[in-house]
Amino acid sequence: MGLETGQDMKPFEMELLESLIDNTLLEEALSFLERMIEKYQDTNLVFLKGKVLYLQGQFNSAIEELTTVIAEDSDHWETYELLGEIYRIKNQFDVAENYYFKATSLNPRAIQSWLGKGKLALQRGEYQVAILSFETFLRTKREEIEVWRLLARSYKEIENYLSAIDAYNEAIEIEPTNQELYEELGDLYEHMGRSDIAKEKYLQALQVEEKTRSVNRSLYNKLSRLYLLEGDIQKTFNMCNELLTLVKDDDEAFFLSGQALVRMGQRYEGTVRIKKALEISAKSEYKEYLNKLDTELYGPKYT
């Protein structure tokens, strides 16, 4: 048999094209697409060209290509969805919303459009719309951690804390070693006034810390502040010292451990640490605390 030609080669060329796109070889994919469009005159190939241009950040060129797709096929829902994404990135929210609406009208399972709708609604403070959109997305793609986080944030904004907690727990069940999920859930509990549970979640976050992950300073400092508020001075000091053995220049750890030392009666050592915090970062909180300490002896100094 001779070599395959014409339409017989199209499946093989499509496979190569998809491989180029998947491996982010976008210049090569674009060049290949130009030849394929000329050869096959296929609207779907024009859509793919628009997609590649979008991935390259060439949004205006992508819009031009995608607009021609709609002119030829007004029911091409993926084109409306991609145009919605482009216009959302360009901060043209009303236009983006119209394209998302068109995509979901043509295909109720156009889940990226539901996600885009949710993000727009969240930006506008339309939290119930955001919740509906994110939940619609998650019915199809439950494994998307970031969407569970957006859903939790939306519930938190309307003070439906139980549903926000449920959303975080769903995400944790999918990815139990995701440190940020435990931390954000801890933040939620602290916002609710449940510092006892917040502390548990922060400790869980530290327990799932991986050696390959950079040190999460905020977790140590959040725990240190909670211990300090509870009057557990030794735990405050220990937690700060643990952080300072991992990173040498954390201003908040110096500040909080300095406060702990002062409250343990080691005023000089505590003041040294707080001054070190001030050297690293000139935060008003540090200046005010030093003024408070220094006023007893000399009057206000750190202004």
C-alpha atoms as a PDB file:
ATOM      1  CA  MET A   1       0.000   0.000   0.000  1.00  0.00           C
ATOM      2  CA  GLY A   2       1.105   3.553  -0.679  1.00  0.00           C
ATOM      3  CA  LEU A   3       1.478   6.290   1.903  1.00  0.00           C
ATOM      4  CA  GLU A   4      -1.779   7.645   3.290  1.00  0.00           C
ATOM      5  CA  THR A   5      -2.704  11.069   1.963  1.00  0.00           C
ATOM      6  CA  GLY A   6      -5.422  13.694   2.339  1.00  0.00           C
ATOM      7  CA  GLN A   7      -8.130  13.074   4.925  1.00  0.00           C
ATOM      8  CA  ASP A   8      -6.557   9.718   5.835  1.00  0.00           C
ATOM      9  CA  MET A   9      -3.654  11.599   7.424  1.00  0.00           C
ATOM     10  CA  LYS A  10      -5.836  13.944   9.461  1.00  0.00           C
ATOM     11  CA  PRO A  11      -6.158  11.724  12.596  1.00  0.00           C
ATOM     12  CA  PHE A  12      -2.384  11.351  12.771  1.00  0.00           C
ATOM     13  CA  GLU A  13      -1.856  15.083  12.284  1.00  0.00           C
ATOM     14  CA  MET A  14      -4.434  15.854  14.980  1.00  0.00           C
ATOM     15  CA  GLU A  15      -2.641  13.543  17.377  1.00  0.00           C
ATOM     16  CA  LEU A  16       0.645  15.313  16.680  1.00  0.00           C
ATOM     17  CA  LEU A  17      -1.015  18.704  17.103  1.00  0.00           C
ATOM     18  CA  GLU A  18      -2.527  17.743  20.467  1.00  0.00           C
ATOM     19  CA  SER A  19       0.881  16.513  21.598  1.00  0.00           C
ATOM     20  CA  LEU A  20       2.488  19.838  20.668  1.00  0.00           C
ATOM     21  CA  ILE A  21      -0.178  21.767  22.597  1.00  0.00           C
ATOM     22  CA  ASP A  22      -0.030  19.444  25.628  1.00  0.00           C
ATOM     23  CA  ASN A  23       3.757  19.907  25.780  1.00  0.00           C
ATOM     24  CA  THR A  24       3.375  23.698  25.414  1.00  0.00           C
ATOM     25  CA  LEU A  25       5.309  23.735  22.145  1.00  0.00           C
ATOM     26  CA  LEU A  26       3.016  26.547  21.074  1.00  0.00           C
ATOM     27  CA  GLU A  27       5.072  28.124  18.280  1.00  0.00           C
ATOM     28  CA  GLU A  28       5.421  24.733  16.622  1.00  0.00           C
ATOM     29  CA  ALA A  29       1.703  24.049  17.151  1.00  0.00           C
ATOM     30  CA  LEU A  30       0.772  27.397  15.588  1.00  0.00           C
ATOM     31  CA  SER A  31       2.939  26.799  12.540  1.00  0.00           C
ATOM     32  CA  PHE A  32       1.510  23.304  12.131  1.00  0.00           C
ATOM     33  CA  LEU A  33      -2.046  24.629  12.513  1.00  0.00           C
ATOM     34  CA  GLU A  34      -1.535  27.164   9.733  1.00  0.00           C
ATOM     35  CA  ARG A  35      -0.669  24.349   7.344  1.00  0.00           C
ATOM     36  CA  MET A  36      -3.543  22.164   8.530  1.00  0.00           C
ATOM     37  CA  ILE A  37      -6.116  24.969   8.182  1.00  0.00           C
ATOM     38  CA  GLU A  38      -4.978  25.628   4.628  1.00  0.00           C
ATOM     39  CA  LYS A  39      -5.142  21.909   3.882  1.00  0.00           C
ATOM     40  CA  TYR A  40      -8.463  20.965   5.505  1.00  0.00           C
ATOM     41  CA  GLN A  41     -10.487  24.211   5.808  1.00  0.00           C
ATOM     42  CA  ASP A  42     -11.845  22.963   9.152  1.00  0.00           C
ATOM     43  CA  THR A  43     -13.581  25.318  11.618  1.00  0.00           C
ATOM     44  CA  ASN A  44     -12.383  23.248  14.581  1.00  0.00           C
ATOM     45  CA  LEU A  45      -8.800  23.853  13.513  1.00  0.00           C
ATOM     46  CA  VAL A  46      -9.445  27.610  13.505  1.00  0.00           C
ATOM     47  CA  PHE A  47     -10.780  27.225  17.056  1.00  0.00           C
ATOM     48  CA  LEU A  48      -7.591  25.418  18.036  1.00  0.00           C
ATOM     49  CA  LYS A  49      -5.548  28.226  16.510  1.00  0.00           C
ATOM     50  CA  GLY A  50      -7.491  30.677  18.669  1.00  0.00           C
ATOM     51  CA  LYS A  51      -6.818  28.473  21.688  1.00  0.00           C
ATOM     52  CA  VAL A  52      -3.072  28.385  21.016  1.00  0.00           C
ATOM     53  CA  LEU A  53      -2.998  32.178  20.620  1.00  0.00           C
ATOM     54  CA  TYR A  54      -4.879  32.438  23.929  1.00  0.00           C
ATOM     55  CA  LEU A  55      -2.317  30.189  25.610  1.00  0.00           C
ATOM     56  CA  GLN A  56       0.427  32.444  24.237  1.00  0.00           C
ATOM     57  CA  GLY A  57      -1.296  35.498  25.720  1.00  0.00           C
ATOM     58  CA  GLN A  58      -2.062  36.942  22.278  1.00  0.00           C
ATOM     59  CA  PHE A  59      -5.636  37.754  23.275  1.00  0.00           C
ATOM     60  CA  ASN A  60      -6.581  40.160  20.478  1.00  0.00           C
ATOM     61  CA  SER A  61      -5.350  37.766  17.804  1.00  0.00           C
ATOM     62  CA  ALA A  62      -7.187  34.927  19.536  1.00  0.00           C
ATOM     63  CA  ILE A  63     -10.414  36.956  19.530  1.00  0.00           C
ATOM     64  CA  GLU A  64     -10.074  37.540  15.774  1.00  0.00           C
ATOM     65  CA  GLU A  65      -9.729  33.824  15.075  1.00  0.00           C
ATOM     66  CA  LEU A  66     -12.517  32.814  17.443  1.00  0.00           C
ATOM     67  CA  THR A  67     -14.892  35.393  16.016  1.00  0.00           C
ATOM     68  CA  THR A  68     -14.505  33.783  12.596  1.00  0.00           C
ATOM     69  CA  VAL A  69     -15.423  30.418  14.122  1.00  0.00           C
ATOM     70  CA  ILE A  70     -18.710  31.826  15.460  1.00  0.00           C
ATOM     71  CA  ALA A  71     -19.434  33.403  12.070  1.00  0.00           C
ATOM     72  CA  GLU A  72     -19.222  29.946  10.496  1.00  0.00           C
ATOM     73  CA  ASP A  73     -20.719  27.921  13.353  1.00  0.00           C
ATOM     74  CA  SER A  74     -22.918  29.893  15.756  1.00  0.00           C
ATOM     75  CA  ASP A  75     -23.416  26.789  17.934  1.00  0.00           C
ATOM     76  CA  HIS A  76     -19.738  26.190  18.667  1.00  0.00           C
ATOM     77  CA  TRP A  77     -20.067  26.441  22.469  1.00  0.00           C
ATOM     78  CA  GLU A  78     -16.363  25.930  23.189  1.00  0.00           C
ATOM     79  CA  THR A  79     -15.607  29.125  21.277  1.00  0.00           C
ATOM     80  CA  TYR A  80     -18.025  31.127  23.423  1.00  0.00           C
ATOM     81  CA  GLU A  81     -16.456  29.609  26.530  1.00  0.00           C
ATOM     82  CA  LEU A  82     -12.924  30.523  25.467  1.00  0.00           C
ATOM     83  CA  LEU A  83     -13.997  34.036  24.512  1.00  0.00           C
ATOM     84  CA  GLY A  84     -15.516  34.352  27.984  1.00  0.00           C
ATOM     85  CA  GLU A  85     -12.174  33.399  29.530  1.00  0.00           C
ATOM     86  CA  ILE A  86     -10.286  35.901  27.391  1.00  0.00           C
ATOM     87  CA  TYR A  87     -12.613  38.785  28.177  1.00  0.00           C
ATOM     88  CA  ARG A  88     -12.582  37.927  31.892  1.00  0.00           C
ATOM     89  CA  ILE A  89      -8.787  38.097  31.882  1.00  0.00           C
ATOM     90  CA  LYS A  90      -9.047  41.415  30.018  1.00  0.00           C
ATOM     91  CA  ASN A  91     -11.375  42.662  32.814  1.00  0.00           C
ATOM     92  CA  GLN A  92     -14.264  43.151  30.376  1.00  0.00           C
ATOM     93  CA  PHE A  93     -16.634  41.385  32.714  1.00  0.00           C
ATOM     94  CA  ASP A  94     -19.969  42.131  31.060  1.00  0.00           C
ATOM     95  CA  VAL A  95     -18.733  40.821  27.718  1.00  0.00           C
ATOM     96  CA  ALA A  96     -17.241  37.754  29.416  1.00  0.00           C
ATOM     97  CA  GLU A  97     -20.523  37.034  31.194  1.00  0.00           C
ATOM     98  CA  ASN A  98     -22.447  37.180  27.917  1.00  0.00           C
ATOM     99  CA  TYR A  99     -20.119  34.634  26.333  1.00  0.00           C
ATOM    100  CA  TYR A 100     -20.286  32.337  29.360  1.00  0.00           C
ATOM    101  CA  PHE A 101     -24.086  32.536  29.268  1.00  0.00           C
ATOM    102  CA  LYS A 102     -24.114  31.628  25.577  1.00  0.00           C
ATOM    103  CA  ALA A 103     -21.798  28.666  26.197  1.00  0.00           C
ATOM    104  CA  THR A 104     -23.914  27.239  29.031  1.00  0.00           C
ATOM    105  CA  SER A 105     -27.100  27.833  27.019  1.00  0.00           C
ATOM    106  CA  LEU A 106     -25.705  25.676  24.228  1.00  0.00           C
ATOM    107  CA  ASN A 107     -24.152  23.143  26.591  1.00  0.00           C
ATOM    108  CA  PRO A 108     -25.205  23.080  30.276  1.00  0.00           C
ATOM    109  CA  ARG A 109     -22.096  20.993  30.972  1.00  0.00           C
ATOM    110  CA  ALA A 110     -19.732  23.729  29.780  1.00  0.00           C
ATOM    111  CA  ILE A 111     -18.067  23.601  33.167  1.00  0.00           C
ATOM    112  CA  GLN A 112     -15.285  26.124  32.516  1.00  0.00           C
ATOM    113  CA  SER A 113     -18.027  28.636  31.811  1.00  0.00           C
ATOM    114  CA  TRP A 114     -19.653  27.846  35.156  1.00  0.00           C
ATOM    115  CA  LEU A 115     -16.286  28.349  36.807  1.00  0.00           C
ATOM    116  CA  GLY A 116     -15.804  31.649  34.993  1.00  0.00           C
ATOM    117  CA  LYS A 117     -19.305  32.763  36.009  1.00  0.00           C
ATOM    118  CA  GLY A 118     -18.486  31.923  39.608  1.00  0.00           C
ATOM    119  CA  LYS A 119     -15.261  33.922  39.578  1.00  0.00           C
ATOM    120  CA  LEU A 120     -17.050  36.930  38.095  1.00  0.00           C
ATOM    121  CA  ALA A 121     -19.827  36.694  40.681  1.00  0.00           C
ATOM    122  CA  LEU A 122     -17.302  36.411  43.512  1.00  0.00           C
ATOM    123  CA  GLN A 123     -15.509  39.544  42.294  1.00  0.00           C
ATOM    124  CA  ARG A 124     -18.819  41.409  42.231  1.00  0.00           C
ATOM    125  CA  GLY A 125     -19.887  40.245  45.655  1.00  0.00           C
ATOM    126  CA  GLU A 126     -22.753  38.177  44.210  1.00  0.00           C
ATOM    127  CA  TYR A 127     -22.044  35.296  46.536  1.00  0.00           C
ATOM    128  CA  GLN A 128     -25.189  33.224  45.983  1.00  0.00           C
ATOM    129  CA  VAL A 129     -24.553  33.257  42.226  1.00  0.00           C
ATOM    130  CA  ALA A 130     -20.933  32.290  42.873  1.00  0.00           C
ATOM    131  CA  ILE A 131     -22.029  29.377  45.065  1.00  0.00           C
ATOM    132  CA  LEU A 132     -24.461  28.080  42.441  1.00  0.00           C
ATOM    133  CA  SER A 133     -21.807  28.337  39.728  1.00  0.00           C
ATOM    134  CA  PHE A 134     -19.047  26.621  41.713  1.00  0.00           C
ATOM    135  CA  GLU A 135     -21.373  23.845  42.861  1.00  0.00           C
ATOM    136  CA  THR A 136     -22.464  23.260  39.267  1.00  0.00           C
ATOM    137  CA  PHE A 137     -18.808  22.960  38.239  1.00  0.00           C
ATOM    138  CA  LEU A 138     -18.039  20.559  41.091  1.00  0.00           C
ATOM    139  CA  ARG A 139     -20.846  18.196  40.140  1.00  0.00           C
ATOM    140  CA  THR A 140     -18.702  17.272  37.136  1.00  0.00           C
ATOM    141  CA  LYS A 141     -15.147  17.851  38.424  1.00  0.00           C
ATOM    142  CA  ARG A 142     -15.150  17.156  42.145  1.00  0.00           C
ATOM    143  CA  GLU A 143     -11.375  16.793  42.311  1.00  0.00           C
ATOM    144  CA  GLU A 144     -10.651  20.480  41.649  1.00  0.00           C
ATOM    145  CA  ILE A 145      -9.214  21.733  44.954  1.00  0.00           C
ATOM    146  CA  GLU A 146      -9.094  25.385  43.946  1.00  0.00           C
ATOM    147  CA  VAL A 147     -12.821  25.423  43.198  1.00  0.00           C
ATOM    148  CA  TRP A 148     -13.618  23.954  46.627  1.00  0.00           C
ATOM    149  CA  ARG A 149     -11.585  26.815  48.103  1.00  0.00           C
ATOM    150  CA  LEU A 150     -13.537  29.371  46.077  1.00  0.00           C
ATOM    151  CA  LEU A 151     -16.780  27.752  47.202  1.00  0.00           C
ATOM    152  CA  ALA A 152     -15.675  27.871  50.844  1.00  0.00           C
ATOM    153  CA  ARG A 153     -14.746  31.540  50.478  1.00  0.00           C
ATOM    154  CA  SER A 154     -18.165  32.308  48.987  1.00  0.00           C
ATOM    155  CA  TYR A 155     -19.960  30.589  51.868  1.00  0.00           C
ATOM    156  CA  LYS A 156     -17.769  32.431  54.371  1.00  0.00           C
ATOM    157  CA  GLU A 157     -18.771  35.778  52.840  1.00  0.00           C
ATOM    158  CA  ILE A 158     -22.461  35.081  53.530  1.00  0.00           C
ATOM    159  CA  GLU A 159     -21.567  33.744  57.001  1.00  0.00           C
ATOM    160  CA  ASN A 160     -22.695  30.221  56.179  1.00  0.00           C
ATOM    161  CA  TYR A 161     -19.758  28.846  58.113  1.00  0.00           C
ATOM    162  CA  LEU A 162     -20.933  25.241  58.319  1.00  0.00           C
ATOM    163  CA  SER A 163     -21.085  24.975  54.530  1.00  0.00           C
ATOM    164  CA  ALA A 164     -17.688  26.677  54.247  1.00  0.00           C
ATOM    165  CA  ILE A 165     -16.252  24.104  56.675  1.00  0.00           C
ATOM    166  CA  ASP A 166     -17.834  21.292  54.662  1.00  0.00           C
ATOM    167  CA  ALA A 167     -16.241  22.647  51.471  1.00  0.00           C
ATOM    168  CA  TYR A 168     -12.782  22.721  53.067  1.00  0.00           C
ATOM    169  CA  ASN A 169     -13.246  19.209  54.461  1.00  0.00           C
ATOM    170  CA  GLU A 170     -14.247  17.936  51.018  1.00  0.00           C
ATOM    171  CA  ALA A 171     -11.039  19.420  49.619  1.00  0.00           C
ATOM    172  CA  ILE A 172      -8.937  17.948  52.428  1.00  0.00           C
ATOM    173  CA  GLU A 173     -10.434  14.523  51.779  1.00  0.00           C
ATOM    174  CA  ILE A 174      -9.300  14.800  48.154  1.00  0.00           C
ATOM    175  CA  GLU A 175      -5.843  16.144  49.013  1.00  0.00           C
ATOM    176  CA  PRO A 176      -5.014  15.373  52.658  1.00  0.00           C
ATOM    177  CA  THR A 177      -1.427  16.646  52.412  1.00  0.00           C
ATOM    178  CA  ASN A 178      -2.399  20.124  51.167  1.00  0.00           C
ATOM    179  CA  GLN A 179      -1.091  22.351  53.941  1.00  0.00           C
ATOM    180  CA  GLU A 180      -2.889  25.472  52.718  1.00  0.00           C
ATOM    181  CA  LEU A 181      -6.301  23.836  53.136  1.00  0.00           C
ATOM    182  CA  TYR A 182      -5.711  23.179  56.839  1.00  0.00           C
ATOM    183  CA  GLU A 183      -4.385  26.697  57.311  1.00  0.00           C
ATOM    184  CA  GLU A 184      -7.359  28.318  55.587  1.00  0.00           C
ATOM    185  CA  LEU A 185      -9.751  26.148  57.591  1.00  0.00           C
ATOM    186  CA  GLY A 186      -7.910  27.279  60.719  1.00  0.00           C
ATOM    187  CA  ASP A 187      -8.320  30.898  59.618  1.00  0.00           C
ATOM    188  CA  LEU A 188     -12.043  30.288  59.211  1.00  0.00           C
ATOM    189  CA  TYR A 189     -12.362  28.859  62.711  1.00  0.00           C
ATOM    190  CA  GLU A 190     -10.409  31.797  64.118  1.00  0.00           C
ATOM    191  CA  HIS A 191     -12.745  34.166  62.266  1.00  0.00           C
ATOM    192  CA  MET A 192     -15.633  32.313  63.950  1.00  0.00           C
ATOM    193  CA  GLY A 193     -14.061  32.907  67.346  1.00  0.00           C
ATOM    194  CA  ARG A 194     -13.078  29.247  67.752  1.00  0.00           C
ATOM    195  CA  SER A 195      -9.374  29.712  68.393  1.00  0.00           C
ATOM    196  CA  ASP A 196      -9.226  26.278  70.038  1.00  0.00           C
ATOM    197  CA  ILE A 197     -10.171  24.507  66.784  1.00  0.00           C
ATOM    198  CA  ALA A 198      -8.128  26.980  64.731  1.00  0.00           C
ATOM    199  CA  LYS A 199      -5.080  25.934  66.717  1.00  0.00           C
ATOM    200  CA  GLU A 200      -5.813  22.262  65.991  1.00  0.00           C
ATOM    201  CA  LYS A 201      -6.018  22.951  62.265  1.00  0.00           C
ATOM    202  CA  TYR A 202      -2.772  24.955  62.250  1.00  0.00           C
ATOM    203  CA  LEU A 203      -1.043  22.088  64.063  1.00  0.00           C
ATOM    204  CA  GLN A 204      -2.446  19.619  61.534  1.00  0.00           C
ATOM    205  CA  ALA A 205      -1.061  21.831  58.778  1.00  0.00           C
ATOM    206  CA  LEU A 206       2.411  21.653  60.308  1.00  0.00           C
ATOM    207  CA  GLN A 207       2.125  17.870  60.616  1.00  0.00           C
ATOM    208  CA  VAL A 208       1.555  17.456  56.871  1.00  0.00           C
ATOM    209  CA  GLU A 209       4.477  19.730  56.012  1.00  0.00           C
ATOM    210  CA  GLU A 210       6.690  18.090  53.403  1.00  0.00           C
ATOM    211  CA  LYS A 211      10.456  18.373  53.333  1.00  0.00           C
ATOM    212  CA  THR A 212      10.349  19.597  49.739  1.00  0.00           C
ATOM    213  CA  ARG A 213       7.930  22.426  50.576  1.00  0.00           C
ATOM    214  CA  SER A 214       9.232  25.812  51.701  1.00  0.00           C
ATOM    215  CA  VAL A 215       8.622  26.692  55.357  1.00  0.00           C
ATOM    216  CA  ASN A 216       5.175  28.149  55.961  1.00  0.00           C
ATOM    217  CA  ARG A 217       6.074  31.020  58.275  1.00  0.00           C
ATOM    218  CA  SER A 218       2.519  32.219  58.703  1.00  0.00           C
ATOM    219  CA  LEU A 219       1.469  28.928  60.335  1.00  0.00           C
ATOM    220  CA  TYR A 220       4.134  29.199  63.019  1.00  0.00           C
ATOM    221  CA  ASN A 221       3.284  32.827  63.661  1.00  0.00           C
ATOM    222  CA  LYS A 222      -0.470  32.243  63.792  1.00  0.00           C
ATOM    223  CA  LEU A 223       0.052  29.499  66.361  1.00  0.00           C
ATOM    224  CA  SER A 224       2.449  31.688  68.336  1.00  0.00           C
ATOM    225  CA  ARG A 225      -0.105  34.498  68.482  1.00  0.00           C
ATOM    226  CA  LEU A 226      -2.830  32.131  69.657  1.00  0.00           C
ATOM    227  CA  TYR A 227      -0.575  30.722  72.383  1.00  0.00           C
ATOM    228  CA  LEU A 228       0.328  34.265  73.440  1.00  0.00           C
ATOM    229  CA  LEU A 229      -3.338  35.283  73.649  1.00  0.00           C
ATOM    230  CA  GLU A 230      -4.053  32.208  75.765  1.00  0.00           C
ATOM    231  CA  GLY A 231      -1.179  33.099  78.076  1.00  0.00           C
ATOM    232  CA  ASP A 232       0.827  29.997  77.157  1.00  0.00           C
ATOM    233  CA  ILE A 233       4.083  31.918  77.077  1.00  0.00           C
ATOM    234  CA  GLN A 234       6.470  28.969  76.938  1.00  0.00           C
ATOM    235  CA  LYS A 235       4.704  27.480  73.907  1.00  0.00           C
ATOM    236  CA  THR A 236       4.819  30.893  72.222  1.00  0.00           C
ATOM    237  CA  PHE A 237       8.554  31.105  72.774  1.00  0.00           C
ATOM    238  CA  ASN A 238       9.170  27.513  71.668  1.00  0.00           C
ATOM    239  CA  MET A 239       7.125  27.880  68.496  1.00  0.00           C
ATOM    240  CA  CYS A 240       8.959  31.087  67.531  1.00  0.00           C
ATOM    241  CA  ASN A 241      12.337  29.523  68.216  1.00  0.00           C
ATOM    242  CA  GLU A 242      11.422  26.522  66.085  1.00  0.00           C
ATOM    243  CA  LEU A 243      10.658  28.856  63.208  1.00  0.00           C
ATOM    244  CA  LEU A 244      13.847  30.857  63.741  1.00  0.00           C
ATOM    245  CA  THR A 245      15.928  27.695  63.470  1.00  0.00           C
ATOM    246  CA  LEU A 246      14.375  27.141  60.029  1.00  0.00           C
ATOM    247  CA  VAL A 247      14.508  30.747  58.813  1.00  0.00           C
ATOM    248  CA  LYS A 248      16.830  33.295  60.339  1.00  0.00           C
ATOM    249  CA  ASP A 249      15.090  36.550  59.504  1.00  0.00           C
ATOM    250  CA  ASP A 250      11.402  36.279  60.414  1.00  0.00           C
ATOM    251  CA  ASP A 251      10.490  39.592  61.987  1.00  0.00           C
ATOM    252  CA  GLU A 252       7.195  38.382  63.469  1.00  0.00           C
ATOM    253  CA  ALA A 253       8.886  35.434  65.183  1.00  0.00           C
ATOM    254  CA  PHE A 254      11.411  37.816  66.746  1.00  0.00           C
ATOM    255  CA  PHE A 255       8.594  40.136  67.823  1.00  0.00           C
ATOM    256  CA  LEU A 256       6.375  37.448  69.355  1.00  0.00           C
ATOM    257  CA  SER A 257       9.245  35.640  71.083  1.00  0.00           C
ATOM    258  CA  GLY A 258      10.403  39.020  72.381  1.00  0.00           C
ATOM    259  CA  GLN A 259       6.996  39.610  73.925  1.00  0.00           C
ATOM    260  CA  ALA A 260       7.119  36.130  75.444  1.00  0.00           C
ATOM    261  CA  LEU A 261      10.520  36.853  77.026  1.00  0.00           C
ATOM    262  CA  VAL A 262       9.283  40.156  78.443  1.00  0.00           C
ATOM    263  CA  ARG A 263       6.301  38.385  79.996  1.00  0.00           C
ATOM    264  CA  MET A 264       8.651  35.746  81.442  1.00  0.00           C
ATOM    265  CA  GLY A 265      10.561  38.546  83.179  1.00  0.00           C
ATOM    266  CA  GLN A 266      13.484  38.637  80.730  1.00  0.00           C
ATOM    267  CA  ARG A 267      12.922  42.229  79.669  1.00  0.00           C
ATOM    268  CA  TYR A 268      16.371  42.943  78.232  1.00  0.00           C
ATOM    269  CA  GLU A 269      16.483  39.790  76.078  1.00  0.00           C
ATOM    270  CA  GLY A 270      12.921  40.414  74.919  1.00  0.00           C
ATOM    271  CA  THR A 271      13.676  44.013  73.957  1.00  0.00           C
ATOM    272  CA  VAL A 272      16.697  42.878  71.932  1.00  0.00           C
ATOM    273  CA  ARG A 273      14.474  40.535  69.943  1.00  0.00           C
ATOM    274  CA  ILE A 274      11.817  43.151  69.329  1.00  0.00           C
ATOM    275  CA  LYS A 275      14.452  45.625  68.131  1.00  0.00           C
ATOM    276  CA  LYS A 276      15.702  42.919  65.780  1.00  0.00           C
ATOM    277  CA  ALA A 277      12.151  42.592  64.421  1.00  0.00           C
ATOM    278  CA  LEU A 278      12.055  46.352  63.885  1.00  0.00           C
ATOM    279  CA  GLU A 279      15.368  46.240  61.982  1.00  0.00           C
ATOM    280  CA  ILE A 280      13.902  43.670  59.604  1.00  0.00           C
ATOM    281  CA  SER A 281      10.536  45.394  59.142  1.00  0.00           C
ATOM    282  CA  ALA A 282       9.513  48.848  60.387  1.00  0.00           C
ATOM    283  CA  LYS A 283       5.989  47.837  61.338  1.00  0.00           C
ATOM    284  CA  SER A 284       4.030  50.229  63.531  1.00  0.00           C
ATOM    285  CA  GLU A 285       3.088  47.341  65.835  1.00  0.00           C
ATOM    286  CA  TYR A 286       6.749  46.815  66.706  1.00  0.00           C
ATOM    287  CA  LYS A 287       7.409  50.521  67.258  1.00  0.00           C
ATOM    288  CA  GLU A 288       4.349  50.855  69.476  1.00  0.00           C
ATOM    289  CA  TYR A 289       5.366  47.918  71.632  1.00  0.00           C
ATOM    290  CA  LEU A 290       8.906  49.231  72.016  1.00  0.00           C
ATOM    291  CA  ASN A 291       7.525  52.644  72.941  1.00  0.00           C
ATOM    292  CA  LYS A 292       5.361  50.981  75.554  1.00  0.00           C
ATOM    293  CA  LEU A 293       8.413  49.258  77.045  1.00  0.00           C
ATOM    294  CA  ASP A 294      10.725  52.226  76.738  1.00  0.00           C
ATOM    295  CA  THR A 295       8.302  54.823  78.119  1.00  0.00           C
ATOM    296  CA  GLU A 296       8.630  53.281  81.557  1.00  0.00           C
ATOM    297  CA  LEU A 297      12.292  54.312  81.627  1.00  0.00           C
ATOM    298  CA  TYR A 298      12.925  57.091  79.106  1.00  0.00           C
ATOM    299  CA  GLY A 299       9.650  58.320  77.601  1.00  0.00           C
ATOM    300  CA  PRO A 300       8.586  57.814  73.945  1.00  0.00           C
ATOM    301  CA  LYS A 301      11.469  57.066  71.578  1.00  0.00           C
ATOM    302  CA  TYR A 302      10.449  54.926  68.580  1.00  0.00           C
ATOM    303  CA  THR A 303       8.365  57.247  66.393  1.00  0.00           C
END
